[in-house]
N, C-alpha and C. Protein backbone atom coordinates (compact mmCIF):
# COMPACT_ATOMS: atom_id res chain seq x y z
N UNK A 1 68.71 163.20 132.21
CA UNK A 1 68.55 161.93 132.91
C UNK A 1 67.17 161.37 132.58
N UNK A 2 67.10 160.04 132.51
CA UNK A 2 65.81 159.44 132.19
C UNK A 2 65.76 157.99 132.63
N UNK A 3 64.54 157.50 132.75
CA UNK A 3 64.29 156.10 133.04
C UNK A 3 63.93 155.43 131.73
N UNK A 4 64.54 154.30 131.43
CA UNK A 4 64.23 153.51 130.25
C UNK A 4 64.08 152.06 130.70
N UNK A 5 63.17 151.36 130.05
CA UNK A 5 62.85 150.00 130.47
C UNK A 5 63.21 148.97 129.42
N UNK A 6 63.52 147.77 129.90
CA UNK A 6 63.70 146.60 129.04
C UNK A 6 63.15 145.41 129.81
N UNK A 7 62.45 144.54 129.11
CA UNK A 7 61.94 143.31 129.73
C UNK A 7 62.64 142.14 129.07
N UNK A 8 63.13 141.23 129.92
CA UNK A 8 63.75 140.01 129.41
C UNK A 8 63.07 138.81 130.05
N UNK A 9 63.05 137.71 129.33
CA UNK A 9 62.48 136.48 129.87
C UNK A 9 63.59 135.70 130.56
N UNK A 10 63.31 135.26 131.77
CA UNK A 10 64.27 134.43 132.51
C UNK A 10 63.99 132.98 132.14
N UNK A 11 63.66 132.17 133.11
CA UNK A 11 63.31 130.79 132.80
C UNK A 11 61.84 130.53 133.07
N UNK A 12 61.25 129.65 132.27
CA UNK A 12 59.84 129.34 132.44
C UNK A 12 58.98 130.56 132.21
N UNK A 13 58.17 130.89 133.20
CA UNK A 13 57.26 132.03 133.09
C UNK A 13 57.78 133.28 133.82
N UNK A 14 59.05 133.26 134.21
CA UNK A 14 59.66 134.39 134.91
C UNK A 14 60.23 135.40 133.92
N UNK A 15 60.03 136.67 134.26
CA UNK A 15 60.54 137.78 133.47
C UNK A 15 61.24 138.75 134.40
N UNK A 16 62.04 139.66 133.82
CA UNK A 16 62.69 140.70 134.60
C UNK A 16 62.44 142.04 133.91
N UNK A 17 62.05 143.02 134.72
CA UNK A 17 61.93 144.40 134.26
C UNK A 17 63.21 145.11 134.65
N UNK A 18 63.98 145.58 133.67
CA UNK A 18 65.28 146.22 133.89
C UNK A 18 65.15 147.73 133.70
N UNK A 19 65.75 148.48 134.60
CA UNK A 19 65.90 149.91 134.41
C UNK A 19 67.22 150.12 133.68
N UNK A 20 67.16 150.38 132.37
CA UNK A 20 68.37 150.56 131.57
C UNK A 20 68.66 152.04 131.34
N UNK A 21 67.94 152.90 132.04
CA UNK A 21 68.18 154.34 131.97
C UNK A 21 69.27 154.75 132.94
N UNK A 22 69.36 156.05 133.19
CA UNK A 22 70.41 156.56 134.08
C UNK A 22 69.83 157.31 135.28
N UNK A 23 68.56 157.02 135.60
CA UNK A 23 67.89 157.66 136.73
C UNK A 23 67.14 156.60 137.53
N UNK A 24 67.10 156.74 138.84
CA UNK A 24 66.34 155.82 139.68
C UNK A 24 64.85 156.02 139.47
N UNK A 25 64.14 154.94 139.27
CA UNK A 25 62.68 154.97 139.14
C UNK A 25 62.07 154.64 140.50
N UNK A 26 61.21 155.50 140.99
CA UNK A 26 60.56 155.32 142.29
C UNK A 26 59.12 154.87 142.10
N UNK A 27 58.63 154.10 143.04
CA UNK A 27 57.23 153.64 143.05
C UNK A 27 56.87 152.89 141.77
N UNK A 28 57.79 152.01 141.32
CA UNK A 28 57.58 151.23 140.10
C UNK A 28 56.52 150.16 140.36
N UNK A 29 55.54 150.10 139.47
CA UNK A 29 54.45 149.15 139.58
C UNK A 29 54.13 148.60 138.20
N UNK A 30 53.98 147.28 138.10
CA UNK A 30 53.44 146.67 136.89
C UNK A 30 51.96 146.43 137.17
N UNK A 31 51.11 146.98 136.32
CA UNK A 31 49.67 146.89 136.53
C UNK A 31 49.12 145.54 136.09
N UNK A 32 48.12 145.07 136.78
CA UNK A 32 47.46 143.81 136.45
C UNK A 32 46.60 143.94 135.19
N UNK A 33 46.24 145.17 134.83
CA UNK A 33 45.38 145.42 133.65
C UNK A 33 45.91 144.67 132.44
N UNK A 34 45.03 143.94 131.78
CA UNK A 34 45.39 143.25 130.55
C UNK A 34 46.08 141.92 130.73
N UNK A 35 46.34 141.51 131.96
CA UNK A 35 47.03 140.24 132.19
C UNK A 35 46.05 139.11 132.51
N UNK A 36 44.76 139.40 132.51
CA UNK A 36 43.71 138.39 132.74
C UNK A 36 43.96 137.55 133.99
N UNK A 37 44.50 138.17 135.02
CA UNK A 37 44.73 137.46 136.27
C UNK A 37 45.92 136.51 136.23
N UNK A 38 46.75 136.58 135.19
CA UNK A 38 47.86 135.65 135.04
C UNK A 38 49.19 136.21 135.53
N UNK A 39 49.21 137.46 136.00
CA UNK A 39 50.43 138.04 136.55
C UNK A 39 50.62 137.62 137.99
N UNK A 40 51.85 137.32 138.35
CA UNK A 40 52.20 136.94 139.72
C UNK A 40 53.46 137.69 140.13
N UNK A 41 53.58 137.96 141.42
CA UNK A 41 54.76 138.64 141.96
C UNK A 41 55.04 139.96 141.23
N UNK A 42 53.97 140.64 140.82
CA UNK A 42 54.15 141.92 140.11
C UNK A 42 54.70 142.96 141.08
N UNK A 43 55.73 143.70 140.67
CA UNK A 43 56.27 144.73 141.57
C UNK A 43 55.22 145.81 141.81
N UNK A 44 55.20 146.29 143.04
CA UNK A 44 54.27 147.36 143.41
C UNK A 44 54.97 148.34 144.33
N UNK A 45 55.23 149.54 143.81
CA UNK A 45 55.82 150.60 144.62
C UNK A 45 57.29 150.41 144.94
N UNK A 46 58.04 149.68 144.09
CA UNK A 46 59.46 149.43 144.38
C UNK A 46 60.34 150.53 143.80
N UNK A 47 61.51 150.68 144.36
CA UNK A 47 62.53 151.60 143.85
C UNK A 47 63.49 150.79 142.99
N UNK A 48 63.80 151.30 141.80
CA UNK A 48 64.65 150.57 140.87
C UNK A 48 65.74 151.50 140.33
N UNK A 49 66.96 151.42 140.92
CA UNK A 49 68.07 152.25 140.45
C UNK A 49 68.53 151.83 139.05
N UNK A 50 69.29 152.68 138.38
CA UNK A 50 69.83 152.32 137.07
C UNK A 50 70.62 151.00 137.15
N UNK A 51 70.41 150.15 136.15
CA UNK A 51 71.13 148.87 136.09
C UNK A 51 70.50 147.76 136.90
N UNK A 52 69.47 148.07 137.68
CA UNK A 52 68.82 147.05 138.51
C UNK A 52 67.57 146.51 137.82
N UNK A 53 67.10 145.37 138.32
CA UNK A 53 65.90 144.77 137.74
C UNK A 53 65.06 144.15 138.84
N UNK A 54 63.81 143.83 138.49
CA UNK A 54 62.90 143.18 139.41
C UNK A 54 62.23 142.03 138.65
N UNK A 55 62.04 140.92 139.34
CA UNK A 55 61.46 139.72 138.75
C UNK A 55 59.94 139.74 138.89
N UNK A 56 59.24 139.20 137.88
CA UNK A 56 57.81 138.98 137.97
C UNK A 56 57.46 137.78 137.11
N UNK A 57 56.23 137.31 137.24
CA UNK A 57 55.79 136.09 136.54
C UNK A 57 54.56 136.42 135.71
N UNK A 58 54.51 135.88 134.50
CA UNK A 58 53.31 135.90 133.68
C UNK A 58 53.02 134.46 133.28
N UNK A 59 51.97 133.90 133.88
CA UNK A 59 51.59 132.53 133.58
C UNK A 59 51.09 132.41 132.16
N UNK A 60 51.20 131.23 131.60
CA UNK A 60 50.70 130.97 130.25
C UNK A 60 49.63 129.91 130.32
N UNK A 61 48.56 130.13 129.60
CA UNK A 61 47.46 129.18 129.53
C UNK A 61 47.22 128.87 128.05
N UNK A 62 47.20 127.60 127.71
CA UNK A 62 47.07 127.21 126.30
C UNK A 62 45.86 127.81 125.62
N UNK A 63 44.77 127.99 126.35
CA UNK A 63 43.53 128.47 125.75
C UNK A 63 43.51 129.99 125.56
N UNK A 64 44.46 130.70 126.13
CA UNK A 64 44.50 132.16 126.02
C UNK A 64 45.70 132.60 125.18
N UNK A 65 45.58 133.71 124.47
CA UNK A 65 46.74 134.20 123.72
C UNK A 65 47.85 134.63 124.67
N UNK A 66 49.08 134.48 124.23
CA UNK A 66 50.23 134.89 125.05
C UNK A 66 50.21 136.40 125.23
N UNK A 67 50.63 136.86 126.38
CA UNK A 67 50.73 138.29 126.66
C UNK A 67 51.97 138.84 125.97
N UNK A 68 51.84 139.94 125.31
CA UNK A 68 52.97 140.52 124.59
C UNK A 68 53.42 141.85 125.19
N UNK A 69 52.68 142.35 126.19
CA UNK A 69 53.07 143.61 126.81
C UNK A 69 52.53 143.70 128.23
N UNK A 70 53.18 144.54 129.01
CA UNK A 70 52.70 144.86 130.36
C UNK A 70 52.66 146.38 130.48
N UNK A 71 51.90 146.86 131.45
CA UNK A 71 51.81 148.29 131.72
C UNK A 71 52.65 148.62 132.94
N UNK A 72 53.59 149.55 132.77
CA UNK A 72 54.50 149.95 133.85
C UNK A 72 54.24 151.41 134.18
N UNK A 73 54.15 151.70 135.49
CA UNK A 73 54.07 153.11 135.90
C UNK A 73 55.06 153.33 137.03
N UNK A 74 55.47 154.58 137.19
CA UNK A 74 56.38 154.97 138.27
C UNK A 74 56.13 156.44 138.56
N UNK A 75 56.67 156.93 139.67
CA UNK A 75 56.28 158.24 140.19
C UNK A 75 56.54 159.39 139.22
N UNK A 76 57.62 159.38 138.46
CA UNK A 76 57.90 160.48 137.54
C UNK A 76 57.64 160.10 136.10
N UNK A 77 56.88 159.03 135.87
CA UNK A 77 56.65 158.54 134.52
C UNK A 77 55.48 159.16 133.81
N UNK A 78 54.82 160.11 134.43
CA UNK A 78 53.67 160.75 133.83
C UNK A 78 52.38 160.08 134.26
N UNK A 79 51.26 160.65 133.83
CA UNK A 79 49.95 160.18 134.30
C UNK A 79 49.53 158.83 133.71
N UNK A 80 50.05 158.49 132.53
CA UNK A 80 49.66 157.24 131.88
C UNK A 80 50.75 156.19 132.02
N UNK A 81 50.38 154.93 132.24
CA UNK A 81 51.40 153.87 132.28
C UNK A 81 52.03 153.68 130.90
N UNK A 82 53.22 153.13 130.89
CA UNK A 82 53.96 152.86 129.65
C UNK A 82 53.76 151.40 129.27
N UNK A 83 53.42 151.16 128.01
CA UNK A 83 53.28 149.78 127.51
C UNK A 83 54.67 149.26 127.15
N UNK A 84 55.01 148.12 127.72
CA UNK A 84 56.32 147.50 127.46
C UNK A 84 56.12 146.17 126.76
N UNK A 85 56.79 145.99 125.62
CA UNK A 85 56.71 144.68 124.95
C UNK A 85 57.56 143.65 125.66
């Protein structure tokens, strides 16, 4: 059993973090690190069963490069967060 992630873009600046694995991920958090204060509604400590997703926002500013990854951590994901494209 394992947790696997996929990120999809919804509309505008909304994205969804999907648990595409076959195990529930507990205490799921997307870290603000590297988002230059542009992350909104980032999940913090949520439970995400297989097949479920959570919405978050990454604002875009013309003067800054677009974000291409976020850092995701969860209770059984190990000591280091996982970089997700």
